[in-house]
Protein backbone atom coordinates (compact mmCIF):
# COMPACT_ATOMS: atom_id res chain seq x y z
CA GLY A 1 -71.70 6.26 6.35
CA ILE A 2 -72.80 3.02 7.46
CA VAL A 3 -75.82 1.87 9.60
CA GLY A 4 -75.46 -1.03 11.97
CA ILE A 5 -78.52 -3.01 12.51
CA SER A 6 -79.08 -3.64 16.34
CA LEU A 7 -80.16 -6.96 17.85
CA CYS A 8 -81.63 -5.26 20.91
CA ARG A 9 -85.28 -6.16 21.07
CA PRO A 10 -86.66 -2.68 21.88
CA HIS A 11 -84.93 -1.36 18.61
CA LEU A 12 -86.45 -4.10 16.42
CA CYS A 13 -90.08 -3.99 17.66
CA GLU A 14 -92.27 -2.24 20.07
CA SER A 15 -93.67 -5.29 22.03
CA GLY A 16 -90.12 -6.61 22.77
CA GLU A 17 -90.92 -9.96 21.56
CA CYS A 18 -89.19 -10.42 18.14
CA GLY A 19 -87.11 -12.77 16.33
CA ILE A 20 -84.87 -13.03 13.30
CA ASP A 21 -87.71 -11.94 10.87
CA ASP A 22 -87.73 -8.64 12.72
CA VAL A 23 -83.91 -8.29 12.19
CA ILE A 24 -84.49 -9.05 8.29
CA ARG A 25 -87.21 -6.49 8.23
CA HIS A 26 -84.81 -3.76 9.39
CA ILE A 27 -82.26 -4.77 7.06
CA GLU A 28 -84.81 -4.89 4.23
CA LYS A 29 -85.98 -1.37 5.18
CA TYR A 30 -82.35 -0.06 4.55
CA LEU A 31 -81.89 -1.99 1.42
CA SER A 32 -85.28 -0.50 0.11
CA ILE A 33 -83.88 2.92 0.24
CA GLY A 34 -80.53 2.07 -1.47
CA GLY A 35 -78.55 1.08 1.43
CA GLU A 36 -76.94 -2.03 -0.14
CA LYS A 37 -73.40 -0.56 0.51
CA THR A 38 -74.13 0.95 3.76
CA VAL A 39 -76.02 -1.52 5.92
CA CYS A 40 -74.17 -3.83 8.11
CA LEU A 41 -74.62 -5.54 11.50
CA GLY A 42 -74.24 -3.39 14.74
CA CYS A 43 -75.53 -6.19 16.96
CA ASP A 44 -74.85 -4.40 20.37
CA LEU A 45 -74.05 -7.77 21.80
CA ASP A 46 -71.98 -6.31 24.65
CA GLY A 47 -75.02 -4.16 25.82
CA ILE A 48 -78.14 -5.99 25.51
CA GLY A 49 -79.89 -8.43 27.88
CA ARG A 50 -81.69 -10.73 25.37
CA LEU A 51 -81.22 -11.48 21.71
CA PRO A 52 -84.22 -11.91 19.32
CA ASP A 53 -85.70 -15.35 19.38
CA GLY A 54 -83.85 -17.96 17.68
CA MET A 55 -80.45 -16.49 18.84
CA LYS A 56 -78.38 -17.21 21.98
CA ASN A 57 -75.02 -15.58 21.24
CA VAL A 58 -72.61 -14.55 18.45
CA SER A 59 -72.55 -18.15 17.10
CA ASP A 60 -76.17 -17.80 15.84
CA LEU A 61 -75.41 -14.76 13.57
CA TYR A 62 -75.47 -17.22 10.62
CA ARG A 63 -79.11 -17.49 11.19
CA ILE A 64 -79.53 -13.98 9.80
CA ALA A 65 -77.48 -14.94 6.74
CA ASP A 66 -79.45 -18.09 6.39
CA ALA A 67 -82.77 -16.06 6.37
CA LEU A 68 -81.39 -13.72 3.91
CA SER A 69 -80.33 -16.41 1.73
CA ALA A 70 -83.83 -18.02 1.97
CA ARG A 71 -85.21 -14.86 0.77
CA ASN A 72 -83.21 -15.04 -2.45
CA TYR A 73 -80.53 -12.35 -1.39
CA SER A 74 -77.23 -12.86 -3.22
CA ASP A 75 -74.00 -14.10 -1.38
CA SER A 76 -72.30 -10.97 -2.49
CA LEU A 77 -74.96 -8.84 -0.69
CA ILE A 78 -74.95 -10.97 2.31
CA GLU A 79 -71.03 -10.48 2.47
CA ASP A 80 -71.51 -6.90 2.25
CA ILE A 81 -73.99 -6.69 5.05
CA PHE A 82 -71.88 -9.01 7.23
CA TYR A 83 -68.42 -7.76 6.43
CA ASN A 84 -67.56 -5.59 3.40
CA ASN A 85 -69.71 -2.68 4.21
CA ALA A 86 -68.11 -2.01 7.48
CA GLU A 87 -64.69 -2.85 6.33
CA ARG A 88 -64.94 -0.48 3.41
CA PHE A 89 -66.22 2.51 5.98
CA ILE A 90 -63.42 1.69 8.52
CA GLU A 91 -60.70 1.67 5.63
CA LYS A 92 -61.98 4.81 4.10
CA HIS A 93 -61.90 6.65 7.38
CA GLY A 94 -58.70 5.32 8.88
CA ILE A 95 -60.46 3.91 11.82
CA LEU A 96 -57.92 1.98 13.81
CA PRO A 97 -58.63 -0.62 16.58
CA PHE A 98 -58.48 0.83 20.01
CA ASP A 99 -54.97 0.99 21.58
CA ASN A 100 -55.11 1.82 25.17
CA LYS A 101 -51.40 2.50 25.15
CA ASN A 102 -51.82 5.64 23.21
CA LEU A 103 -54.80 6.78 25.41
CA LYS A 104 -54.51 10.32 27.00
CA ILE A 105 -56.71 11.25 29.68
């Protein structure tokens, strides 16, 4: 499976006041239990009101990568978290993009 890291403030901290360090803390929790090939970004960008401090929209996702890099995580691990882990899961399970032409109600 995979686990997607949410950027929803209540998912990241109890106080609701959080930043990129809280996102990294969640990623590091999964890495600490062997999640190098399963953790990815879930983001929830379409269903949350406010992103963590330091982020305004999807164009700020690089800040998470920069924070991981500053903590000496390898480029290959960061690529896994940002792309490869989700892609591998999607390909393995044959998940296709949503196609409403074939939707049967």
